[in-house]
Amino acid sequence: MLRLYGDNFQQYFDVIEALPDSMKGVIEKASSCKRLLDPTKCNSRCAMGFEFTLNGTLHKKCRYNCFMFLVDGDSKDYIEKLVTREMQCRA
């Protein structure tokens, strides 16, 4: 498993939109961010999650499991692109 803290994901959202449906499904099934839904429901020290539209649906996802993928032969190239782009944004 790989957990990506995609703090800059909006800058490479084109890569996320190009993910295979199986990986998009992982994102869509990830739990919602309690702080984005109701700030009183989560620890105030918790970093908020991510808000974005994917496949025409608005998502408010927890940062800790939004981009958590199984690394296998089908996903490794896409994961490499995601990690590379995040690293470039952080540089």
PDB file of N, CA and C in Angstrom:
ATOM      1  N   MET A   1       0.842  -1.185   0.000  1.00  0.00           N
ATOM      2  CA  MET A   1       0.000   0.000   0.000  1.00  0.00           C
ATOM      3  C   MET A   1       0.881   1.240   0.000  1.00  0.00           C
ATOM      4  N   LEU A   2       0.397   2.254  -0.652  1.00  0.00           N
ATOM      5  CA  LEU A   2       1.060   3.547  -0.661  1.00  0.00           C
ATOM      6  C   LEU A   2       0.044   4.584  -0.223  1.00  0.00           C
ATOM      7  N   ARG A   3       0.429   5.413   0.710  1.00  0.00           N
ATOM      8  CA  ARG A   3      -0.408   6.535   1.133  1.00  0.00           C
ATOM      9  C   ARG A   3       0.289   7.802   0.680  1.00  0.00           C
ATOM     10  N   LEU A   4      -0.362   8.525  -0.194  1.00  0.00           N
ATOM     11  CA  LEU A   4       0.181   9.775  -0.713  1.00  0.00           C
ATOM     12  C   LEU A   4      -0.549  10.933  -0.054  1.00  0.00           C
ATOM     13  N   TYR A   5       0.207  11.796   0.584  1.00  0.00           N
ATOM     14  CA  TYR A   5      -0.370  13.025   1.114  1.00  0.00           C
ATOM     15  C   TYR A   5      -0.266  14.052  -0.004  1.00  0.00           C
ATOM     16  N   GLY A   6      -1.289  14.093  -0.821  1.00  0.00           N
ATOM     17  CA  GLY A   6      -1.285  14.919  -2.028  1.00  0.00           C
ATOM     18  C   GLY A   6      -1.634  16.371  -1.740  1.00  0.00           C
ATOM     19  N   ASP A   7      -0.802  17.025  -0.954  1.00  0.00           N
ATOM     20  CA  ASP A   7      -1.084  18.407  -0.564  1.00  0.00           C
ATOM     21  C   ASP A   7      -1.223  19.341  -1.763  1.00  0.00           C
ATOM     22  N   ASN A   8      -0.601  18.993  -2.865  1.00  0.00           N
ATOM     23  CA  ASN A   8      -0.623  19.847  -4.055  1.00  0.00           C
ATOM     24  C   ASN A   8      -1.409  19.225  -5.208  1.00  0.00           C
ATOM     25  N   PHE A   9      -2.289  18.281  -4.902  1.00  0.00           N
ATOM     26  CA  PHE A   9      -2.951  17.503  -5.947  1.00  0.00           C
ATOM     27  C   PHE A   9      -3.712  18.358  -6.954  1.00  0.00           C
ATOM     28  N   GLN A  10      -4.170  19.526  -6.546  1.00  0.00           N
ATOM     29  CA  GLN A  10      -4.913  20.388  -7.477  1.00  0.00           C
ATOM     30  C   GLN A  10      -4.026  20.832  -8.648  1.00  0.00           C
ATOM     31  N   GLN A  11      -2.719  20.872  -8.426  1.00  0.00           N
ATOM     32  CA  GLN A  11      -1.790  21.288  -9.483  1.00  0.00           C
ATOM     33  C   GLN A  11      -1.540  20.178 -10.512  1.00  0.00           C
ATOM     34  N   TYR A  12      -1.898  18.954 -10.174  1.00  0.00           N
ATOM     35  CA  TYR A  12      -1.735  17.847 -11.131  1.00  0.00           C
ATOM     36  C   TYR A  12      -3.007  17.001 -11.188  1.00  0.00           C
ATOM     37  N   PHE A  13      -4.143  17.662 -11.076  1.00  0.00           N
ATOM     38  CA  PHE A  13      -5.412  16.949 -11.087  1.00  0.00           C
ATOM     39  C   PHE A  13      -5.641  16.211 -12.399  1.00  0.00           C
ATOM     40  N   ASP A  14      -4.983  16.650 -13.466  1.00  0.00           N
ATOM     41  CA  ASP A  14      -5.085  15.949 -14.745  1.00  0.00           C
ATOM     42  C   ASP A  14      -4.601  14.502 -14.621  1.00  0.00           C
ATOM     43  N   VAL A  15      -3.607  14.272 -13.779  1.00  0.00           N
ATOM     44  CA  VAL A  15      -3.108  12.910 -13.567  1.00  0.00           C
ATOM     45  C   VAL A  15      -4.165  12.088 -12.831  1.00  0.00           C
ATOM     46  N   ILE A  16      -4.826  12.684 -11.856  1.00  0.00           N
ATOM     47  CA  ILE A  16      -5.864  11.987 -11.096  1.00  0.00           C
ATOM     48  C   ILE A  16      -7.043  11.654 -11.999  1.00  0.00           C
ATOM     49  N   GLU A  17      -7.421  12.588 -12.852  1.00  0.00           N
ATOM     50  CA  GLU A  17      -8.530  12.331 -13.775  1.00  0.00           C
ATOM     51  C   GLU A  17      -8.199  11.229 -14.776  1.00  0.00           C
ATOM     52  N   ALA A  18      -6.919  11.015 -15.044  1.00  0.00           N
ATOM     53  CA  ALA A  18      -6.490   9.988 -16.002  1.00  0.00           C
ATOM     54  C   ALA A  18      -6.274   8.620 -15.353  1.00  0.00           C
ATOM     55  N   LEU A  19      -6.476   8.522 -14.040  1.00  0.00           N
ATOM     56  CA  LEU A  19      -6.302   7.230 -13.368  1.00  0.00           C
ATOM     57  C   LEU A  19      -7.327   6.225 -13.888  1.00  0.00           C
ATOM     58  N   PRO A  20      -6.995   4.944 -13.839  1.00  0.00           N
ATOM     59  CA  PRO A  20      -7.987   3.927 -14.231  1.00  0.00           C
ATOM     60  C   PRO A  20      -9.156   3.939 -13.246  1.00  0.00           C
ATOM     61  N   ASP A  21     -10.283   3.438 -13.699  1.00  0.00           N
ATOM     62  CA  ASP A  21     -11.492   3.438 -12.872  1.00  0.00           C
ATOM     63  C   ASP A  21     -11.287   2.748 -11.530  1.00  0.00           C
ATOM     64  N   SER A  22     -10.461   1.716 -11.491  1.00  0.00           N
ATOM     65  CA  SER A  22     -10.230   1.003 -10.228  1.00  0.00           C
ATOM     66  C   SER A  22      -9.579   1.920  -9.192  1.00  0.00           C
ATOM     67  N   MET A  23      -8.658   2.763  -9.625  1.00  0.00           N
ATOM     68  CA  MET A  23      -7.993   3.679  -8.699  1.00  0.00           C
ATOM     69  C   MET A  23      -8.898   4.851  -8.340  1.00  0.00           C
ATOM     70  N   LYS A  24      -9.683   5.311  -9.298  1.00  0.00           N
ATOM     71  CA  LYS A  24     -10.660   6.360  -8.984  1.00  0.00           C
ATOM     72  C   LYS A  24     -11.678   5.832  -7.970  1.00  0.00           C
ATOM     73  N   GLY A  25     -12.018   4.563  -8.093  1.00  0.00           N
ATOM     74  CA  GLY A  25     -12.949   3.949  -7.149  1.00  0.00           C
ATOM     75  C   GLY A  25     -12.414   3.959  -5.728  1.00  0.00           C
ATOM     76  N   VAL A  26     -11.107   3.754  -5.587  1.00  0.00           N
ATOM     77  CA  VAL A  26     -10.478   3.808  -4.264  1.00  0.00           C
ATOM     78  C   VAL A  26     -10.656   5.207  -3.672  1.00  0.00           C
ATOM     79  N   ILE A  27     -10.432   6.217  -4.489  1.00  0.00           N
ATOM     80  CA  ILE A  27     -10.593   7.602  -4.031  1.00  0.00           C
ATOM     81  C   ILE A  27     -12.046   7.861  -3.640  1.00  0.00           C
ATOM     82  N   GLU A  28     -12.964   7.429  -4.483  1.00  0.00           N
ATOM     83  CA  GLU A  28     -14.386   7.675  -4.231  1.00  0.00           C
ATOM     84  C   GLU A  28     -14.884   6.940  -2.985  1.00  0.00           C
ATOM     85  N   LYS A  29     -14.292   5.789  -2.667  1.00  0.00           N
ATOM     86  CA  LYS A  29     -14.720   5.008  -1.505  1.00  0.00           C
ATOM     87  C   LYS A  29     -14.044   5.455  -0.206  1.00  0.00           C
ATOM     88  N   ALA A  30     -13.015   6.279  -0.308  1.00  0.00           N
ATOM     89  CA  ALA A  30     -12.309   6.745   0.895  1.00  0.00           C
ATOM     90  C   ALA A  30     -13.275   7.510   1.793  1.00  0.00           C
ATOM     91  N   SER A  31     -13.010   7.479   3.080  1.00  0.00           N
ATOM     92  CA  SER A  31     -13.911   8.139   4.022  1.00  0.00           C
ATOM     93  C   SER A  31     -13.880   9.655   3.844  1.00  0.00           C
ATOM     94  N   SER A  32     -14.980  10.268   4.206  1.00  0.00           N
ATOM     95  CA  SER A  32     -15.107  11.718   4.114  1.00  0.00           C
ATOM     96  C   SER A  32     -14.338  12.388   5.241  1.00  0.00           C
ATOM     97  N   CYS A  33     -13.952  13.622   5.016  1.00  0.00           N
ATOM     98  CA  CYS A  33     -13.258  14.426   6.022  1.00  0.00           C
ATOM     99  C   CYS A  33     -14.299  14.998   6.980  1.00  0.00           C
ATOM    100  N   LYS A  34     -14.205  14.609   8.231  1.00  0.00           N
ATOM    101  CA  LYS A  34     -15.163  15.090   9.228  1.00  0.00           C
ATOM    102  C   LYS A  34     -15.091  16.600   9.397  1.00  0.00           C
ATOM    103  N   ARG A  35     -13.888  17.155   9.329  1.00  0.00           N
ATOM    104  CA  ARG A  35     -13.736  18.611   9.512  1.00  0.00           C
ATOM    105  C   ARG A  35     -14.340  19.393   8.362  1.00  0.00           C
ATOM    106  N   LEU A  36     -14.281  18.857   7.150  1.00  0.00           N
ATOM    107  CA  LEU A  36     -14.896  19.552   6.019  1.00  0.00           C
ATOM    108  C   LEU A  36     -16.416  19.483   6.092  1.00  0.00           C
ATOM    109  N   LEU A  37     -16.924  18.383   6.618  1.00  0.00           N
ATOM    110  CA  LEU A  37     -18.371  18.221   6.728  1.00  0.00           C
ATOM    111  C   LEU A  37     -18.936  18.991   7.911  1.00  0.00           C
ATOM    112  N   ASP A  38     -18.224  18.959   9.043  1.00  0.00           N
ATOM    113  CA  ASP A  38     -18.653  19.657  10.254  1.00  0.00           C
ATOM    114  C   ASP A  38     -17.420  19.851  11.132  1.00  0.00           C
ATOM    115  N   PRO A  39     -16.859  21.068  11.174  1.00  0.00           N
ATOM    116  CA  PRO A  39     -15.611  21.314  11.902  1.00  0.00           C
ATOM    117  C   PRO A  39     -15.640  20.922  13.379  1.00  0.00           C
ATOM    118  N   THR A  40     -16.803  20.784  13.964  1.00  0.00           N
ATOM    119  CA  THR A  40     -16.879  20.405  15.381  1.00  0.00           C
ATOM    120  C   THR A  40     -16.758  18.905  15.588  1.00  0.00           C
ATOM    121  N   LYS A  41     -16.766  18.118  14.527  1.00  0.00           N
ATOM    122  CA  LYS A  41     -16.769  16.657  14.627  1.00  0.00           C
ATOM    123  C   LYS A  41     -15.379  16.020  14.608  1.00  0.00           C
ATOM    124  N   CYS A  42     -14.346  16.826  14.488  1.00  0.00           N
ATOM    125  CA  CYS A  42     -12.999  16.281  14.410  1.00  0.00           C
ATOM    126  C   CYS A  42     -12.063  17.146  15.243  1.00  0.00           C
ATOM    127  N   ASN A  43     -10.932  16.599  15.589  1.00  0.00           N
ATOM    128  CA  ASN A  43      -9.926  17.316  16.353  1.00  0.00           C
ATOM    129  C   ASN A  43      -9.500  18.571  15.598  1.00  0.00           C
ATOM    130  N   SER A  44      -9.480  19.686  16.272  1.00  0.00           N
ATOM    131  CA  SER A  44      -9.136  20.954  15.616  1.00  0.00           C
ATOM    132  C   SER A  44      -7.688  20.992  15.148  1.00  0.00           C
ATOM    133  N   ARG A  45      -6.832  20.113  15.661  1.00  0.00           N
ATOM    134  CA  ARG A  45      -5.439  20.057  15.225  1.00  0.00           C
ATOM    135  C   ARG A  45      -5.258  19.203  13.975  1.00  0.00           C
ATOM    136  N   CYS A  46      -6.286  18.481  13.604  1.00  0.00           N
ATOM    137  CA  CYS A  46      -6.216  17.623  12.419  1.00  0.00           C
ATOM    138  C   CYS A  46      -6.209  18.505  11.162  1.00  0.00           C
ATOM    139  N   ALA A  47      -5.290  18.217  10.284  1.00  0.00           N
ATOM    140  CA  ALA A  47      -5.267  18.949   9.008  1.00  0.00           C
ATOM    141  C   ALA A  47      -6.502  18.563   8.209  1.00  0.00           C
ATOM    142  N   MET A  48      -7.136  19.540   7.628  1.00  0.00           N
ATOM    143  CA  MET A  48      -8.343  19.233   6.848  1.00  0.00           C
ATOM    144  C   MET A  48      -7.999  18.399   5.634  1.00  0.00           C
ATOM    145  N   GLY A  49      -9.006  17.736   5.145  1.00  0.00           N
ATOM    146  CA  GLY A  49      -8.857  16.890   3.978  1.00  0.00           C
ATOM    147  C   GLY A  49      -8.936  17.680   2.683  1.00  0.00           C
ATOM    148  N   PHE A  50      -9.353  16.999   1.648  1.00  0.00           N
ATOM    149  CA  PHE A  50      -9.350  17.557   0.301  1.00  0.00           C
ATOM    150  C   PHE A  50     -10.767  17.651  -0.250  1.00  0.00           C
ATOM    151  N   GLU A  51     -11.039  18.738  -0.928  1.00  0.00           N
ATOM    152  CA  GLU A  51     -12.331  18.926  -1.582  1.00  0.00           C
ATOM    153  C   GLU A  51     -12.079  19.056  -3.088  1.00  0.00           C
ATOM    154  N   PHE A  52     -12.778  18.237  -3.861  1.00  0.00           N
ATOM    155  CA  PHE A  52     -12.574  18.227  -5.311  1.00  0.00           C
ATOM    156  C   PHE A  52     -13.762  17.549  -5.982  1.00  0.00           C
ATOM    157  N   THR A  53     -13.864  17.743  -7.283  1.00  0.00           N
ATOM    158  CA  THR A  53     -14.891  17.087  -8.082  1.00  0.00           C
ATOM    159  C   THR A  53     -14.216  16.044  -8.959  1.00  0.00           C
ATOM    160  N   LEU A  54     -14.709  14.820  -8.868  1.00  0.00           N
ATOM    161  CA  LEU A  54     -14.190  13.716  -9.666  1.00  0.00           C
ATOM    162  C   LEU A  54     -15.370  12.979 -10.261  1.00  0.00           C
ATOM    163  N   ASN A  55     -15.326  12.752 -11.554  1.00  0.00           N
ATOM    164  CA  ASN A  55     -16.423  12.084 -12.267  1.00  0.00           C
ATOM    165  C   ASN A  55     -17.756  12.794 -12.039  1.00  0.00           C
ATOM    166  N   GLY A  56     -17.700  14.123 -11.956  1.00  0.00           N
ATOM    167  CA  GLY A  56     -18.917  14.914 -11.817  1.00  0.00           C
ATOM    168  C   GLY A  56     -19.514  14.946 -10.419  1.00  0.00           C
ATOM    169  N   THR A  57     -18.804  14.384  -9.435  1.00  0.00           N
ATOM    170  CA  THR A  57     -19.307  14.339  -8.069  1.00  0.00           C
ATOM    171  C   THR A  57     -18.361  15.100  -7.150  1.00  0.00           C
ATOM    172  N   LEU A  58     -18.923  15.939  -6.288  1.00  0.00           N
ATOM    173  CA  LEU A  58     -18.123  16.667  -5.304  1.00  0.00           C
ATOM    174  C   LEU A  58     -17.737  15.708  -4.180  1.00  0.00           C
ATOM    175  N   HIS A  59     -16.455  15.693  -3.844  1.00  0.00           N
ATOM    176  CA  HIS A  59     -15.939  14.841  -2.780  1.00  0.00           C
ATOM    177  C   HIS A  59     -15.252  15.705  -1.733  1.00  0.00           C
ATOM    178  N   LYS A  60     -15.422  15.322  -0.478  1.00  0.00           N
ATOM    179  CA  LYS A  60     -14.736  15.946   0.653  1.00  0.00           C
ATOM    180  C   LYS A  60     -14.088  14.794   1.411  1.00  0.00           C
ATOM    181  N   LYS A  61     -12.845  14.504   1.062  1.00  0.00           N
ATOM    182  CA  LYS A  61     -12.185  13.285   1.530  1.00  0.00           C
ATOM    183  C   LYS A  61     -11.114  13.557   2.582  1.00  0.00           C
ATOM    184  N   CYS A  62     -10.960  12.583   3.476  1.00  0.00           N
ATOM    185  CA  CYS A  62      -9.943  12.629   4.521  1.00  0.00           C
ATOM    186  C   CYS A  62      -8.562  12.535   3.873  1.00  0.00           C
ATOM    187  N   ARG A  63      -7.669  13.395   4.286  1.00  0.00           N
ATOM    188  CA  ARG A  63      -6.324  13.433   3.706  1.00  0.00           C
ATOM    189  C   ARG A  63      -5.528  12.157   3.991  1.00  0.00           C
ATOM    190  N   TYR A  64      -5.897  11.431   5.038  1.00  0.00           N
ATOM    191  CA  TYR A  64      -5.119  10.272   5.449  1.00  0.00           C
ATOM    192  C   TYR A  64      -5.451   8.998   4.686  1.00  0.00           C
ATOM    193  N   ASN A  65      -6.572   8.962   3.975  1.00  0.00           N
ATOM    194  CA  ASN A  65      -6.858   7.752   3.200  1.00  0.00           C
ATOM    195  C   ASN A  65      -7.390   8.035   1.800  1.00  0.00           C
ATOM    196  N   CYS A  66      -7.425   9.286   1.417  1.00  0.00           N
ATOM    197  CA  CYS A  66      -7.942   9.656   0.096  1.00  0.00           C
ATOM    198  C   CYS A  66      -7.098   9.045  -1.028  1.00  0.00           C
ATOM    199  N   PHE A  67      -5.803   9.149  -0.904  1.00  0.00           N
ATOM    200  CA  PHE A  67      -4.903   8.652  -1.939  1.00  0.00           C
ATOM    201  C   PHE A  67      -4.077   7.490  -1.373  1.00  0.00           C
ATOM    202  N   MET A  68      -4.761   6.416  -1.028  1.00  0.00           N
ATOM    203  CA  MET A  68      -4.102   5.237  -0.477  1.00  0.00           C
ATOM    204  C   MET A  68      -4.371   4.069  -1.425  1.00  0.00           C
ATOM    205  N   PHE A  69      -3.339   3.661  -2.130  1.00  0.00           N
ATOM    206  CA  PHE A  69      -3.497   2.698  -3.211  1.00  0.00           C
ATOM    207  C   PHE A  69      -2.679   1.429  -2.971  1.00  0.00           C
ATOM    208  N   LEU A  70      -3.221   0.325  -3.444  1.00  0.00           N
ATOM    209  CA  LEU A  70      -2.483  -0.925  -3.485  1.00  0.00           C
ATOM    210  C   LEU A  70      -1.490  -0.828  -4.644  1.00  0.00           C
ATOM    211  N   VAL A  71      -0.244  -1.115  -4.348  1.00  0.00           N
ATOM    212  CA  VAL A  71       0.786  -1.068  -5.385  1.00  0.00           C
ATOM    213  C   VAL A  71       0.845  -2.445  -6.040  1.00  0.00           C
ATOM    214  N   ASP A  72       0.508  -2.480  -7.322  1.00  0.00           N
ATOM    215  CA  ASP A  72       0.576  -3.728  -8.078  1.00  0.00           C
ATOM    216  C   ASP A  72       0.958  -3.406  -9.511  1.00  0.00           C
ATOM    217  N   GLY A  73       0.993  -4.411 -10.345  1.00  0.00           N
ATOM    218  CA  GLY A  73       1.404  -4.220 -11.731  1.00  0.00           C
ATOM    219  C   GLY A  73       0.541  -3.238 -12.493  1.00  0.00           C
ATOM    220  N   ASP A  74      -0.748  -3.172 -12.144  1.00  0.00           N
ATOM    221  CA  ASP A  74      -1.656  -2.269 -12.849  1.00  0.00           C
ATOM    222  C   ASP A  74      -1.557  -0.826 -12.372  1.00  0.00           C
ATOM    223  N   SER A  75      -1.176  -0.628 -11.119  1.00  0.00           N
ATOM    224  CA  SER A  75      -1.197   0.724 -10.558  1.00  0.00           C
ATOM    225  C   SER A  75       0.168   1.393 -10.465  1.00  0.00           C
ATOM    226  N   LYS A  76       1.239   0.628 -10.560  1.00  0.00           N
ATOM    227  CA  LYS A  76       2.564   1.187 -10.265  1.00  0.00           C
ATOM    228  C   LYS A  76       2.947   2.366 -11.156  1.00  0.00           C
ATOM    229  N   ASP A  77       2.620   2.331 -12.430  1.00  0.00           N
ATOM    230  CA  ASP A  77       2.972   3.443 -13.310  1.00  0.00           C
ATOM    231  C   ASP A  77       2.191   4.709 -12.954  1.00  0.00           C
ATOM    232  N   TYR A  78       0.931   4.554 -12.599  1.00  0.00           N
ATOM    233  CA  TYR A  78       0.108   5.699 -12.213  1.00  0.00           C
ATOM    234  C   TYR A  78       0.580   6.275 -10.877  1.00  0.00           C
ATOM    235  N   ILE A  79       0.929   5.383  -9.958  1.00  0.00           N
ATOM    236  CA  ILE A  79       1.428   5.826  -8.658  1.00  0.00           C
ATOM    237  C   ILE A  79       2.731   6.586  -8.829  1.00  0.00           C
ATOM    238  N   GLU A  80       3.586   6.091  -9.711  1.00  0.00           N
ATOM    239  CA  GLU A  80       4.848   6.794  -9.976  1.00  0.00           C
ATOM    240  C   GLU A  80       4.585   8.211 -10.483  1.00  0.00           C
ATOM    241  N   LYS A  81       3.619   8.369 -11.370  1.00  0.00           N
ATOM    242  CA  LYS A  81       3.272   9.711 -11.869  1.00  0.00           C
ATOM    243  C   LYS A  81       2.777  10.607 -10.747  1.00  0.00           C
ATOM    244  N   LEU A  82       1.906  10.061  -9.879  1.00  0.00           N
ATOM    245  CA  LEU A  82       1.376  10.852  -8.767  1.00  0.00           C
ATOM    246  C   LEU A  82       2.487  11.301  -7.824  1.00  0.00           C
ATOM    247  N   VAL A  83       3.347  10.376  -7.441  1.00  0.00           N
ATOM    248  CA  VAL A  83       4.437  10.698  -6.514  1.00  0.00           C
ATOM    249  C   VAL A  83       5.406  11.694  -7.149  1.00  0.00           C
ATOM    250  N   THR A  84       5.731  11.475  -8.399  1.00  0.00           N
ATOM    251  CA  THR A  84       6.651  12.383  -9.095  1.00  0.00           C
ATOM    252  C   THR A  84       6.092  13.793  -9.155  1.00  0.00           C
ATOM    253  N   ARG A  85       4.848  13.926  -9.516  1.00  0.00           N
ATOM    254  CA  ARG A  85       4.234  15.263  -9.610  1.00  0.00           C
ATOM    255  C   ARG A  85       4.145  15.936  -8.242  1.00  0.00           C
ATOM    256  N   GLU A  86       3.797  15.185  -7.206  1.00  0.00           N
ATOM    257  CA  GLU A  86       3.749  15.757  -5.859  1.00  0.00           C
ATOM    258  C   GLU A  86       5.140  16.228  -5.439  1.00  0.00           C
ATOM    259  N   MET A  87       6.150  15.431  -5.727  1.00  0.00           N
ATOM    260  CA  MET A  87       7.524  15.822  -5.375  1.00  0.00           C
ATOM    261  C   MET A  87       7.949  17.066  -6.130  1.00  0.00           C
ATOM    262  N   GLN A  88       7.573  17.174  -7.399  1.00  0.00           N
ATOM    263  CA  GLN A  88       7.915  18.364  -8.186  1.00  0.00           C
ATOM    264  C   GLN A  88       7.259  19.606  -7.604  1.00  0.00           C
ATOM    265  N   CYS A  89       6.031  19.471  -7.162  1.00  0.00           N
ATOM    266  CA  CYS A  89       5.334  20.613  -6.572  1.00  0.00           C
ATOM    267  C   CYS A  89       5.934  21.038  -5.254  1.00  0.00           C
ATOM    268  N   ARG A  90       6.473  20.096  -4.525  1.00  0.00           N
ATOM    269  CA  ARG A  90       7.053  20.406  -3.214  1.00  0.00           C
ATOM    270  C   ARG A  90       8.473  20.947  -3.326  1.00  0.00           C
ATOM    271  N   ALA A  91       9.105  20.722  -4.468  1.00  0.00           N
ATOM    272  CA  ALA A  91      10.521  21.155  -4.623  1.00  0.00           C
ATOM    273  C   ALA A  91      10.644  22.667  -4.665  1.00  0.00           C
TER     274      ALA A  91
END
